[in-house]
């Protein structure tokens, strides 16, 4: 067990401090978040599944926990959450795969070829 974890536990004290330091921005962010996650053309559960996937790509532990909990509360199943995570994993890996074109193009322009 670590005495000084990398990510402190979210707390009301930290939330209050964040709000006190920039109240207008904090209020605007809360309103924005509420609008984004409200039912619309996409239902709340689907939006939370998207958020779970994105949280895994951005690697935000607070977002992973919060949106996983919100997805469950919106009716998502464990299997739906895991499937969303696999979609995120494929997209993250897909970026590396797609960007390999940059390395291949550089190899082709520089002209170095391995003989083995």
PDB file of N, CA and C in Angstrom:
ATOM      1  N   UNK A   1       0.834  -1.178   0.000  1.00  0.00           N
ATOM      2  CA  UNK A   1       0.000   0.000   0.000  1.00  0.00           C
ATOM      3  C   UNK A   1       0.879   1.242   0.000  1.00  0.00           C
ATOM      4  N   UNK A   2       0.528   2.169  -0.853  1.00  0.00           N
ATOM      5  CA  UNK A   2       1.327   3.382  -0.966  1.00  0.00           C
ATOM      6  C   UNK A   2       0.844   4.430   0.033  1.00  0.00           C
ATOM      7  N   UNK A   3       1.803   5.097   0.660  1.00  0.00           N
ATOM      8  CA  UNK A   3       1.460   6.167   1.589  1.00  0.00           C
ATOM      9  C   UNK A   3       1.001   7.426   0.860  1.00  0.00           C
ATOM     10  N   UNK A   4       1.579   7.676  -0.305  1.00  0.00           N
ATOM     11  CA  UNK A   4       1.245   8.858  -1.099  1.00  0.00           C
ATOM     12  C   UNK A   4       0.803   8.418  -2.492  1.00  0.00           C
ATOM     13  N   UNK A   5      -0.473   8.081  -2.650  1.00  0.00           N
ATOM     14  CA  UNK A   5      -0.913   7.615  -3.961  1.00  0.00           C
ATOM     15  C   UNK A   5      -0.797   8.722  -5.014  1.00  0.00           C
ATOM     16  N   UNK A   6      -0.603   8.303  -6.256  1.00  0.00           N
ATOM     17  CA  UNK A   6      -0.499   9.243  -7.372  1.00  0.00           C
ATOM     18  C   UNK A   6      -1.780  10.064  -7.497  1.00  0.00           C
ATOM     19  N   UNK A   7      -2.916   9.412  -7.355  1.00  0.00           N
ATOM     20  CA  UNK A   7      -4.204  10.064  -7.505  1.00  0.00           C
ATOM     21  C   UNK A   7      -4.907  10.097  -6.152  1.00  0.00           C
ATOM     22  N   UNK A   8      -5.044  11.274  -5.555  1.00  0.00           N
ATOM     23  CA  UNK A   8      -5.750  11.331  -4.277  1.00  0.00           C
ATOM     24  C   UNK A   8      -7.225  10.995  -4.478  1.00  0.00           C
ATOM     25  N   UNK A   9      -7.824  10.449  -3.460  1.00  0.00           N
ATOM     26  CA  UNK A   9      -9.249  10.142  -3.530  1.00  0.00           C
ATOM     27  C   UNK A   9     -10.021  11.444  -3.706  1.00  0.00           C
ATOM     28  N   UNK A  10     -11.009  11.397  -4.586  1.00  0.00           N
ATOM     29  CA  UNK A  10     -11.869  12.563  -4.749  1.00  0.00           C
ATOM     30  C   UNK A  10     -12.568  12.813  -3.413  1.00  0.00           C
ATOM     31  N   UNK A  11     -12.693  14.067  -3.051  1.00  0.00           N
ATOM     32  CA  UNK A  11     -13.337  14.387  -1.779  1.00  0.00           C
ATOM     33  C   UNK A  11     -14.136  15.672  -1.904  1.00  0.00           C
ATOM     34  N   UNK A  12     -15.030  15.868  -0.971  1.00  0.00           N
ATOM     35  CA  UNK A  12     -15.809  17.110  -0.946  1.00  0.00           C
ATOM     36  C   UNK A  12     -14.898  18.308  -0.697  1.00  0.00           C
ATOM     37  N   UNK A  13     -13.873  18.119   0.123  1.00  0.00           N
ATOM     38  CA  UNK A  13     -12.950  19.223   0.398  1.00  0.00           C
ATOM     39  C   UNK A  13     -12.233  19.664  -0.872  1.00  0.00           C
ATOM     40  N   UNK A  14     -11.738  18.702  -1.661  1.00  0.00           N
ATOM     41  CA  UNK A  14     -11.060  19.057  -2.910  1.00  0.00           C
ATOM     42  C   UNK A  14     -12.035  19.675  -3.905  1.00  0.00           C
ATOM     43  N   UNK A  15     -13.241  19.151  -3.962  1.00  0.00           N
ATOM     44  CA  UNK A  15     -14.254  19.695  -4.853  1.00  0.00           C
ATOM     45  C   UNK A  15     -14.607  21.133  -4.457  1.00  0.00           C
ATOM     46  N   UNK A  16     -14.759  21.348  -3.188  1.00  0.00           N
ATOM     47  CA  UNK A  16     -15.067  22.689  -2.685  1.00  0.00           C
ATOM     48  C   UNK A  16     -13.916  23.653  -2.999  1.00  0.00           C
ATOM     49  N   UNK A  17     -12.679  23.199  -2.798  1.00  0.00           N
ATOM     50  CA  UNK A  17     -11.520  24.033  -3.082  1.00  0.00           C
ATOM     51  C   UNK A  17     -11.464  24.385  -4.566  1.00  0.00           C
ATOM     52  N   UNK A  18     -11.689  23.417  -5.429  1.00  0.00           N
ATOM     53  CA  UNK A  18     -11.678  23.659  -6.869  1.00  0.00           C
ATOM     54  C   UNK A  18     -12.732  24.707  -7.225  1.00  0.00           C
ATOM     55  N   UNK A  19     -13.916  24.584  -6.623  1.00  0.00           N
ATOM     56  CA  UNK A  19     -14.997  25.532  -6.895  1.00  0.00           C
ATOM     57  C   UNK A  19     -14.659  26.924  -6.370  1.00  0.00           C
ATOM     58  N   UNK A  20     -14.105  26.993  -5.174  1.00  0.00           N
ATOM     59  CA  UNK A  20     -13.768  28.291  -4.583  1.00  0.00           C
ATOM     60  C   UNK A  20     -12.693  29.027  -5.379  1.00  0.00           C
ATOM     61  N   UNK A  21     -11.778  28.302  -5.967  1.00  0.00           N
ATOM     62  CA  UNK A  21     -10.693  28.918  -6.726  1.00  0.00           C
ATOM     63  C   UNK A  21     -11.147  29.452  -8.087  1.00  0.00           C
ATOM     64  N   UNK A  22     -12.205  28.886  -8.637  1.00  0.00           N
ATOM     65  CA  UNK A  22     -12.714  29.336  -9.942  1.00  0.00           C
ATOM     66  C   UNK A  22     -14.210  29.036 -10.026  1.00  0.00           C
ATOM     67  N   UNK A  23     -15.023  29.754  -9.246  1.00  0.00           N
ATOM     68  CA  UNK A  23     -16.448  29.413  -9.156  1.00  0.00           C
ATOM     69  C   UNK A  23     -17.211  29.513 -10.481  1.00  0.00           C
ATOM     70  N   UNK A  24     -16.953  30.538 -11.276  1.00  0.00           N
ATOM     71  CA  UNK A  24     -17.684  30.690 -12.532  1.00  0.00           C
ATOM     72  C   UNK A  24     -17.358  29.545 -13.493  1.00  0.00           C
ATOM     73  N   UNK A  25     -16.092  29.222 -13.576  1.00  0.00           N
ATOM     74  CA  UNK A  25     -15.678  28.133 -14.461  1.00  0.00           C
ATOM     75  C   UNK A  25     -16.223  26.807 -13.957  1.00  0.00           C
ATOM     76  N   UNK A  26     -16.169  26.598 -12.664  1.00  0.00           N
ATOM     77  CA  UNK A  26     -16.690  25.369 -12.072  1.00  0.00           C
ATOM     78  C   UNK A  26     -18.184  25.220 -12.363  1.00  0.00           C
ATOM     79  N   UNK A  27     -18.934  26.291 -12.176  1.00  0.00           N
ATOM     80  CA  UNK A  27     -20.377  26.244 -12.444  1.00  0.00           C
ATOM     81  C   UNK A  27     -20.656  25.995 -13.924  1.00  0.00           C
ATOM     82  N   UNK A  28     -19.864  26.640 -14.789  1.00  0.00           N
ATOM     83  CA  UNK A  28     -20.047  26.454 -16.231  1.00  0.00           C
ATOM     84  C   UNK A  28     -19.745  25.012 -16.631  1.00  0.00           C
ATOM     85  N   UNK A  29     -18.695  24.439 -16.046  1.00  0.00           N
ATOM     86  CA  UNK A  29     -18.351  23.053 -16.374  1.00  0.00           C
ATOM     87  C   UNK A  29     -19.453  22.101 -15.916  1.00  0.00           C
ATOM     88  N   UNK A  30     -19.978  22.320 -14.712  1.00  0.00           N
ATOM     89  CA  UNK A  30     -21.068  21.466 -14.221  1.00  0.00           C
ATOM     90  C   UNK A  30     -22.291  21.555 -15.124  1.00  0.00           C
ATOM     91  N   UNK A  31     -22.634  22.764 -15.563  1.00  0.00           N
ATOM     92  CA  UNK A  31     -23.785  22.949 -16.451  1.00  0.00           C
ATOM     93  C   UNK A  31     -23.532  22.272 -17.799  1.00  0.00           C
ATOM     94  N   UNK A  32     -22.316  22.423 -18.316  1.00  0.00           N
ATOM     95  CA  UNK A  32     -21.944  21.793 -19.580  1.00  0.00           C
ATOM     96  C   UNK A  32     -22.053  20.275 -19.474  1.00  0.00           C
ATOM     97  N   UNK A  33     -21.512  19.730 -18.398  1.00  0.00           N
ATOM     98  CA  UNK A  33     -21.552  18.286 -18.184  1.00  0.00           C
ATOM     99  C   UNK A  33     -22.982  17.786 -18.089  1.00  0.00           C
ATOM    100  N   UNK A  34     -23.818  18.510 -17.341  1.00  0.00           N
ATOM    101  CA  UNK A  34     -25.222  18.107 -17.202  1.00  0.00           C
ATOM    102  C   UNK A  34     -25.922  18.114 -18.561  1.00  0.00           C
ATOM    103  N   UNK A  35     -25.635  19.115 -19.386  1.00  0.00           N
ATOM    104  CA  UNK A  35     -26.250  19.195 -20.706  1.00  0.00           C
ATOM    105  C   UNK A  35     -25.770  18.059 -21.609  1.00  0.00           C
ATOM    106  N   UNK A  36     -24.486  17.776 -21.562  1.00  0.00           N
ATOM    107  CA  UNK A  36     -23.916  16.725 -22.410  1.00  0.00           C
ATOM    108  C   UNK A  36     -24.499  15.358 -22.068  1.00  0.00           C
ATOM    109  N   UNK A  37     -24.659  15.078 -20.791  1.00  0.00           N
ATOM    110  CA  UNK A  37     -25.105  13.744 -20.381  1.00  0.00           C
ATOM    111  C   UNK A  37     -26.616  13.612 -20.217  1.00  0.00           C
ATOM    112  N   UNK A  38     -27.366  14.653 -20.554  1.00  0.00           N
ATOM    113  CA  UNK A  38     -28.830  14.563 -20.509  1.00  0.00           C
ATOM    114  C   UNK A  38     -29.309  13.723 -21.693  1.00  0.00           C
ATOM    115  N   UNK A  39     -30.493  13.123 -21.535  1.00  0.00           N
ATOM    116  CA  UNK A  39     -31.091  12.406 -22.653  1.00  0.00           C
ATOM    117  C   UNK A  39     -31.262  13.363 -23.822  1.00  0.00           C
ATOM    118  N   UNK A  40     -30.979  12.883 -24.998  1.00  0.00           N
ATOM    119  CA  UNK A  40     -31.140  13.663 -26.227  1.00  0.00           C
ATOM    120  C   UNK A  40     -31.345  12.687 -27.356  1.00  0.00           C
ATOM    121  N   UNK A  41     -30.697  12.927 -28.464  1.00  0.00           N
ATOM    122  CA  UNK A  41     -30.757  11.975 -29.570  1.00  0.00           C
ATOM    123  C   UNK A  41     -30.096  10.656 -29.169  1.00  0.00           C
ATOM    124  N   UNK A  42     -29.169  10.738 -28.223  1.00  0.00           N
ATOM    125  CA  UNK A  42     -28.526   9.551 -27.647  1.00  0.00           C
ATOM    126  C   UNK A  42     -28.982   9.463 -26.197  1.00  0.00           C
ATOM    127  N   UNK A  43     -29.406   8.274 -25.772  1.00  0.00           N
ATOM    128  CA  UNK A  43     -29.884   8.104 -24.401  1.00  0.00           C
ATOM    129  C   UNK A  43     -28.724   8.144 -23.395  1.00  0.00           C
ATOM    130  N   UNK A  44     -29.076   8.386 -22.126  1.00  0.00           N
ATOM    131  CA  UNK A  44     -28.074   8.535 -21.061  1.00  0.00           C
ATOM    132  C   UNK A  44     -27.168   7.316 -20.938  1.00  0.00           C
ATOM    133  N   UNK A  45     -27.736   6.121 -21.029  1.00  0.00           N
ATOM    134  CA  UNK A  45     -26.924   4.905 -20.881  1.00  0.00           C
ATOM    135  C   UNK A  45     -25.862   4.840 -21.965  1.00  0.00           C
ATOM    136  N   UNK A  46     -26.250   5.099 -23.202  1.00  0.00           N
ATOM    137  CA  UNK A  46     -25.288   5.050 -24.303  1.00  0.00           C
ATOM    138  C   UNK A  46     -24.219   6.117 -24.127  1.00  0.00           C
ATOM    139  N   UNK A  47     -24.632   7.307 -23.702  1.00  0.00           N
ATOM    140  CA  UNK A  47     -23.656   8.376 -23.467  1.00  0.00           C
ATOM    141  C   UNK A  47     -22.657   7.960 -22.391  1.00  0.00           C
ATOM    142  N   UNK A  48     -23.118   7.293 -21.354  1.00  0.00           N
ATOM    143  CA  UNK A  48     -22.208   6.860 -20.296  1.00  0.00           C
ATOM    144  C   UNK A  48     -21.293   5.740 -20.779  1.00  0.00           C
ATOM    145  N   UNK A  49     -21.783   4.866 -21.643  1.00  0.00           N
ATOM    146  CA  UNK A  49     -20.914   3.837 -22.227  1.00  0.00           C
ATOM    147  C   UNK A  49     -19.842   4.473 -23.103  1.00  0.00           C
ATOM    148  N   UNK A  50     -20.212   5.503 -23.847  1.00  0.00           N
ATOM    149  CA  UNK A  50     -19.219   6.241 -24.636  1.00  0.00           C
ATOM    150  C   UNK A  50     -18.191   6.854 -23.697  1.00  0.00           C
ATOM    151  N   UNK A  51     -18.664   7.437 -22.601  1.00  0.00           N
ATOM    152  CA  UNK A  51     -17.756   8.070 -21.639  1.00  0.00           C
ATOM    153  C   UNK A  51     -16.807   7.057 -21.013  1.00  0.00           C
ATOM    154  N   UNK A  52     -17.297   5.865 -20.719  1.00  0.00           N
ATOM    155  CA  UNK A  52     -16.424   4.812 -20.172  1.00  0.00           C
ATOM    156  C   UNK A  52     -15.320   4.496 -21.183  1.00  0.00           C
ATOM    157  N   UNK A  53     -15.697   4.354 -22.442  1.00  0.00           N
ATOM    158  CA  UNK A  53     -14.704   4.047 -23.479  1.00  0.00           C
ATOM    159  C   UNK A  53     -13.678   5.175 -23.598  1.00  0.00           C
ATOM    160  N   UNK A  54     -14.153   6.403 -23.682  1.00  0.00           N
ATOM    161  CA  UNK A  54     -13.245   7.547 -23.820  1.00  0.00           C
ATOM    162  C   UNK A  54     -12.349   7.672 -22.591  1.00  0.00           C
ATOM    163  N   UNK A  55     -12.898   7.430 -21.414  1.00  0.00           N
ATOM    164  CA  UNK A  55     -12.101   7.514 -20.181  1.00  0.00           C
ATOM    165  C   UNK A  55     -10.940   6.532 -20.209  1.00  0.00           C
ATOM    166  N   UNK A  56     -11.141   5.389 -20.832  1.00  0.00           N
ATOM    167  CA  UNK A  56     -10.043   4.427 -20.947  1.00  0.00           C
ATOM    168  C   UNK A  56      -8.992   4.892 -21.953  1.00  0.00           C
ATOM    169  N   UNK A  57      -9.408   5.587 -22.991  1.00  0.00           N
ATOM    170  CA  UNK A  57      -8.446   6.116 -23.959  1.00  0.00           C
ATOM    171  C   UNK A  57      -7.678   7.285 -23.340  1.00  0.00           C
ATOM    172  N   UNK A  58      -8.374   8.168 -22.620  1.00  0.00           N
ATOM    173  CA  UNK A  58      -7.694   9.303 -21.989  1.00  0.00           C
ATOM    174  C   UNK A  58      -6.978   8.883 -20.713  1.00  0.00           C
ATOM    175  N   UNK A  59      -7.276   7.688 -20.241  1.00  0.00           N
ATOM    176  CA  UNK A  59      -6.646   7.084 -19.058  1.00  0.00           C
ATOM    177  C   UNK A  59      -6.824   7.939 -17.799  1.00  0.00           C
ATOM    178  N   UNK A  60      -8.037   8.428 -17.625  1.00  0.00           N
ATOM    179  CA  UNK A  60      -8.381   9.213 -16.433  1.00  0.00           C
ATOM    180  C   UNK A  60      -9.031   8.291 -15.405  1.00  0.00           C
ATOM    181  N   UNK A  61      -8.330   7.979 -14.308  1.00  0.00           N
ATOM    182  CA  UNK A  61      -8.905   7.044 -13.337  1.00  0.00           C
ATOM    183  C   UNK A  61     -10.187   7.559 -12.686  1.00  0.00           C
ATOM    184  N   UNK A  62     -10.273   8.857 -12.466  1.00  0.00           N
ATOM    185  CA  UNK A  62     -11.494   9.416 -11.885  1.00  0.00           C
ATOM    186  C   UNK A  62     -12.664   9.248 -12.854  1.00  0.00           C
ATOM    187  N   UNK A  63     -12.406   9.487 -14.134  1.00  0.00           N
ATOM    188  CA  UNK A  63     -13.448   9.350 -15.150  1.00  0.00           C
ATOM    189  C   UNK A  63     -13.865   7.888 -15.308  1.00  0.00           C
ATOM    190  N   UNK A  64     -12.897   6.993 -15.266  1.00  0.00           N
ATOM    191  CA  UNK A  64     -13.222   5.569 -15.380  1.00  0.00           C
ATOM    192  C   UNK A  64     -14.169   5.163 -14.260  1.00  0.00           C
ATOM    193  N   UNK A  65     -13.824   5.527 -13.039  1.00  0.00           N
ATOM    194  CA  UNK A  65     -14.684   5.162 -11.909  1.00  0.00           C
ATOM    195  C   UNK A  65     -16.041   5.849 -11.985  1.00  0.00           C
ATOM    196  N   UNK A  66     -16.028   7.142 -12.200  1.00  0.00           N
ATOM    197  CA  UNK A  66     -17.278   7.898 -12.193  1.00  0.00           C
ATOM    198  C   UNK A  66     -18.227   7.494 -13.303  1.00  0.00           C
ATOM    199  N   UNK A  67     -17.704   7.330 -14.507  1.00  0.00           N
ATOM    200  CA  UNK A  67     -18.579   6.994 -15.630  1.00  0.00           C
ATOM    201  C   UNK A  67     -18.967   5.526 -15.641  1.00  0.00           C
ATOM    202  N   UNK A  68     -18.127   4.658 -15.085  1.00  0.00           N
ATOM    203  CA  UNK A  68     -18.547   3.257 -14.932  1.00  0.00           C
ATOM    204  C   UNK A  68     -19.725   3.187 -13.970  1.00  0.00           C
ATOM    205  N   UNK A  69     -19.620   3.895 -12.861  1.00  0.00           N
ATOM    206  CA  UNK A  69     -20.721   3.938 -11.892  1.00  0.00           C
ATOM    207  C   UNK A  69     -21.973   4.551 -12.524  1.00  0.00           C
ATOM    208  N   UNK A  70     -21.801   5.646 -13.269  1.00  0.00           N
ATOM    209  CA  UNK A  70     -22.945   6.299 -13.917  1.00  0.00           C
ATOM    210  C   UNK A  70     -23.568   5.392 -14.975  1.00  0.00           C
ATOM    211  N   UNK A  71     -22.738   4.644 -15.701  1.00  0.00           N
ATOM    212  CA  UNK A  71     -23.266   3.713 -16.707  1.00  0.00           C
ATOM    213  C   UNK A  71     -24.096   2.622 -16.037  1.00  0.00           C
ATOM    214  N   UNK A  72     -23.578   2.091 -14.940  1.00  0.00           N
ATOM    215  CA  UNK A  72     -24.346   1.078 -14.204  1.00  0.00           C
ATOM    216  C   UNK A  72     -25.667   1.652 -13.703  1.00  0.00           C
ATOM    217  N   UNK A  73     -25.612   2.855 -13.165  1.00  0.00           N
ATOM    218  CA  UNK A  73     -26.834   3.504 -12.658  1.00  0.00           C
ATOM    219  C   UNK A  73     -27.820   3.825 -13.777  1.00  0.00           C
ATOM    220  N   UNK A  74     -27.324   3.985 -15.001  1.00  0.00           N
ATOM    221  CA  UNK A  74     -28.187   4.259 -16.148  1.00  0.00           C
ATOM    222  C   UNK A  74     -28.717   2.969 -16.780  1.00  0.00           C
ATOM    223  N   UNK A  75     -28.325   1.825 -16.216  1.00  0.00           N
ATOM    224  CA  UNK A  75     -28.852   0.549 -16.701  1.00  0.00           C
ATOM    225  C   UNK A  75     -27.910  -0.281 -17.541  1.00  0.00           C
ATOM    226  N   UNK A  76     -26.674   0.152 -17.696  1.00  0.00           N
ATOM    227  CA  UNK A  76     -25.712  -0.638 -18.482  1.00  0.00           C
ATOM    228  C   UNK A  76     -25.367  -1.913 -17.730  1.00  0.00           C
ATOM    229  N   UNK A  77     -25.120  -2.960 -18.487  1.00  0.00           N
ATOM    230  CA  UNK A  77     -24.716  -4.232 -17.888  1.00  0.00           C
ATOM    231  C   UNK A  77     -23.192  -4.300 -17.811  1.00  0.00           C
ATOM    232  N   UNK A  78     -22.707  -5.209 -17.009  1.00  0.00           N
ATOM    233  CA  UNK A  78     -21.259  -5.434 -16.920  1.00  0.00           C
ATOM    234  C   UNK A  78     -20.685  -5.761 -18.305  1.00  0.00           C
ATOM    235  N   UNK A  79     -21.412  -6.578 -19.063  1.00  0.00           N
ATOM    236  CA  UNK A  79     -20.941  -6.972 -20.385  1.00  0.00           C
ATOM    237  C   UNK A  79     -20.914  -5.785 -21.348  1.00  0.00           C
ATOM    238  N   UNK A  80     -21.894  -4.898 -21.254  1.00  0.00           N
ATOM    239  CA  UNK A  80     -21.895  -3.711 -22.112  1.00  0.00           C
ATOM    240  C   UNK A  80     -20.709  -2.803 -21.784  1.00  0.00           C
ATOM    241  N   UNK A  81     -20.421  -2.659 -20.497  1.00  0.00           N
ATOM    242  CA  UNK A  81     -19.288  -1.835 -20.085  1.00  0.00           C
ATOM    243  C   UNK A  81     -17.984  -2.444 -20.597  1.00  0.00           C
ATOM    244  N   UNK A  82     -17.821  -3.736 -20.465  1.00  0.00           N
ATOM    245  CA  UNK A  82     -16.596  -4.386 -20.936  1.00  0.00           C
ATOM    246  C   UNK A  82     -16.479  -4.279 -22.445  1.00  0.00           C
ATOM    247  N   UNK A  83     -17.597  -4.400 -23.156  1.00  0.00           N
ATOM    248  CA  UNK A  83     -17.563  -4.270 -24.611  1.00  0.00           C
ATOM    249  C   UNK A  83     -17.155  -2.851 -25.012  1.00  0.00           C
ATOM    250  N   UNK A  84     -17.648  -1.852 -24.296  1.00  0.00           N
ATOM    251  CA  UNK A  84     -17.245  -0.464 -24.566  1.00  0.00           C
ATOM    252  C   UNK A  84     -15.747  -0.293 -24.346  1.00  0.00           C
ATOM    253  N   UNK A  85     -15.215  -0.927 -23.313  1.00  0.00           N
ATOM    254  CA  UNK A  85     -13.775  -0.853 -23.032  1.00  0.00           C
ATOM    255  C   UNK A  85     -12.988  -1.510 -24.160  1.00  0.00           C
ATOM    256  N   UNK A  86     -13.479  -2.629 -24.687  1.00  0.00           N
ATOM    257  CA  UNK A  86     -12.786  -3.286 -25.802  1.00  0.00           C
ATOM    258  C   UNK A  86     -12.824  -2.418 -27.054  1.00  0.00           C
ATOM    259  N   UNK A  87     -13.928  -1.710 -27.275  1.00  0.00           N
ATOM    260  CA  UNK A  87     -13.986  -0.778 -28.404  1.00  0.00           C
ATOM    261  C   UNK A  87     -12.900   0.281 -28.233  1.00  0.00           C
ATOM    262  N   UNK A  88     -12.772   0.809 -27.013  1.00  0.00           N
ATOM    263  CA  UNK A  88     -11.744   1.814 -26.736  1.00  0.00           C
ATOM    264  C   UNK A  88     -10.349   1.250 -26.968  1.00  0.00           C
ATOM    265  N   UNK A  89     -10.127   0.026 -26.530  1.00  0.00           N
ATOM    266  CA  UNK A  89      -8.810  -0.600 -26.710  1.00  0.00           C
ATOM    267  C   UNK A  89      -8.484  -0.763 -28.189  1.00  0.00           C
ATOM    268  N   UNK A  90      -9.472  -1.151 -28.977  1.00  0.00           N
ATOM    269  CA  UNK A  90      -9.245  -1.312 -30.415  1.00  0.00           C
ATOM    270  C   UNK A  90      -8.939   0.030 -31.054  1.00  0.00           C
ATOM    271  N   UNK A  91      -9.661   1.064 -30.652  1.00  0.00           N
ATOM    272  CA  UNK A  91      -9.441   2.394 -31.217  1.00  0.00           C
ATOM    273  C   UNK A  91      -8.060   2.926 -30.839  1.00  0.00           C
ATOM    274  N   UNK A  92      -7.649   2.673 -29.599  1.00  0.00           N
ATOM    275  CA  UNK A  92      -6.316   3.118 -29.152  1.00  0.00           C
ATOM    276  C   UNK A  92      -5.235   2.387 -29.957  1.00  0.00           C
ATOM    277  N   UNK A  93      -5.400   1.085 -30.107  1.00  0.00           N
ATOM    278  CA  UNK A  93      -4.437   0.303 -30.890  1.00  0.00           C
ATOM    279  C   UNK A  93      -4.514   0.687 -32.357  1.00  0.00           C
ATOM    280  N   UNK A  94      -5.713   0.980 -32.832  1.00  0.00           N
ATOM    281  CA  UNK A  94      -5.898   1.367 -34.219  1.00  0.00           C
ATOM    282  C   UNK A  94      -5.140   2.634 -34.568  1.00  0.00           C
ATOM    283  N   UNK A  95      -5.017   3.544 -33.610  1.00  0.00           N
ATOM    284  CA  UNK A  95      -4.254   4.761 -33.841  1.00  0.00           C
ATOM    285  C   UNK A  95      -2.796   4.455 -34.116  1.00  0.00           C
ATOM    286  N   UNK A  96      -2.228   3.549 -33.339  1.00  0.00           N
ATOM    287  CA  UNK A  96      -0.835   3.156 -33.560  1.00  0.00           C
ATOM    288  C   UNK A  96      -0.692   2.450 -34.906  1.00  0.00           C
ATOM    289  N   UNK A  97      -1.630   1.595 -35.216  1.00  0.00           N
ATOM    290  CA  UNK A  97      -1.609   0.882 -36.497  1.00  0.00           C
ATOM    291  C   UNK A  97      -1.671   1.874 -37.655  1.00  0.00           C
ATOM    292  N   UNK A  98      -2.615   2.804 -37.599  1.00  0.00           N
ATOM    293  CA  UNK A  98      -2.784   3.777 -38.678  1.00  0.00           C
ATOM    294  C   UNK A  98      -1.567   4.688 -38.805  1.00  0.00           C
ATOM    295  N   UNK A  99      -1.018   5.093 -37.672  1.00  0.00           N
ATOM    296  CA  UNK A  99       0.132   5.998 -37.702  1.00  0.00           C
ATOM    297  C   UNK A  99       1.424   5.295 -38.115  1.00  0.00           C
ATOM    298  N   UNK A 100       1.409   3.972 -38.215  1.00  0.00           N
ATOM    299  CA  UNK A 100       2.597   3.271 -38.711  1.00  0.00           C
ATOM    300  C   UNK A 100       2.901   3.710 -40.137  1.00  0.00           C
ATOM    301  N   UNK A 101       1.896   4.260 -40.833  1.00  0.00           N
ATOM    302  CA  UNK A 101       2.139   4.790 -42.177  1.00  0.00           C
ATOM    303  C   UNK A 101       3.204   5.876 -42.157  1.00  0.00           C
ATOM    304  N   UNK A 102       3.262   6.666 -41.093  1.00  0.00           N
ATOM    305  CA  UNK A 102       4.281   7.708 -40.984  1.00  0.00           C
ATOM    306  C   UNK A 102       5.673   7.093 -40.918  1.00  0.00           C
ATOM    307  N   UNK A 103       5.816   6.043 -40.120  1.00  0.00           N
ATOM    308  CA  UNK A 103       7.116   5.376 -40.022  1.00  0.00           C
ATOM    309  C   UNK A 103       7.480   4.709 -41.340  1.00  0.00           C
ATOM    310  N   UNK A 104       6.526   4.032 -41.954  1.00  0.00           N
ATOM    311  CA  UNK A 104       6.799   3.364 -43.230  1.00  0.00           C
ATOM    312  C   UNK A 104       7.166   4.371 -44.314  1.00  0.00           C
ATOM    313  N   UNK A 105       6.468   5.489 -44.354  1.00  0.00           N
ATOM    314  CA  UNK A 105       6.777   6.529 -45.331  1.00  0.00           C
ATOM    315  C   UNK A 105       8.185   7.084 -45.109  1.00  0.00           C
ATOM    316  N   UNK A 106       8.556   7.270 -43.849  1.00  0.00           N
ATOM    317  CA  UNK A 106       9.903   7.753 -43.528  1.00  0.00           C
ATOM    318  C   UNK A 106      10.947   6.739 -43.964  1.00  0.00           C
ATOM    319  N   UNK A 107      10.701   5.480 -43.662  1.00  0.00           N
ATOM    320  CA  UNK A 107      11.622   4.417 -44.089  1.00  0.00           C
ATOM    321  C   UNK A 107      11.797   4.458 -45.603  1.00  0.00           C
ATOM    322  N   UNK A 108      10.698   4.590 -46.314  1.00  0.00           N
ATOM    323  CA  UNK A 108      10.752   4.595 -47.773  1.00  0.00           C
ATOM    324  C   UNK A 108      11.492   5.823 -48.318  1.00  0.00           C
ATOM    325  N   UNK A 109      11.339   6.957 -47.655  1.00  0.00           N
ATOM    326  CA  UNK A 109      12.015   8.177 -48.112  1.00  0.00           C
ATOM    327  C   UNK A 109      13.503   8.175 -47.758  1.00  0.00           C
ATOM    328  N   UNK A 110      13.827   7.639 -46.603  1.00  0.00           N
ATOM    329  CA  UNK A 110      15.233   7.612 -46.190  1.00  0.00           C
ATOM    330  C   UNK A 110      15.982   6.540 -46.974  1.00  0.00           C
ATOM    331  N   UNK A 111      15.298   5.478 -47.302  1.00  0.00           N
ATOM    332  CA  UNK A 111      15.906   4.450 -48.137  1.00  0.00           C
ATOM    333  C   UNK A 111      16.623   3.344 -47.399  1.00  0.00           C
ATOM    334  N   UNK A 112      16.596   3.363 -46.081  1.00  0.00           N
ATOM    335  CA  UNK A 112      17.244   2.274 -45.336  1.00  0.00           C
ATOM    336  C   UNK A 112      16.325   1.056 -45.345  1.00  0.00           C
ATOM    337  N   UNK A 113      16.907  -0.026 -45.707  1.00  0.00           N
ATOM    338  CA  UNK A 113      16.164  -1.289 -45.738  1.00  0.00           C
ATOM    339  C   UNK A 113      16.960  -2.315 -44.962  1.00  0.00           C
ATOM    340  N   UNK A 114      16.294  -3.035 -44.119  1.00  0.00           N
ATOM    341  CA  UNK A 114      16.945  -4.132 -43.401  1.00  0.00           C
ATOM    342  C   UNK A 114      17.191  -5.267 -44.371  1.00  0.00           C
ATOM    343  N   UNK A 115      18.305  -5.910 -44.183  1.00  0.00           N
ATOM    344  CA  UNK A 115      18.607  -7.070 -45.024  1.00  0.00           C
ATOM    345  C   UNK A 115      18.224  -8.352 -44.305  1.00  0.00           C
ATOM    346  N   UNK A 116      17.833  -8.235 -43.038  1.00  0.00           N
ATOM    347  CA  UNK A 116      17.414  -9.434 -42.318  1.00  0.00           C
ATOM    348  C   UNK A 116      15.954  -9.398 -42.029  1.00  0.00           C
TER     349      UNK A 116
END
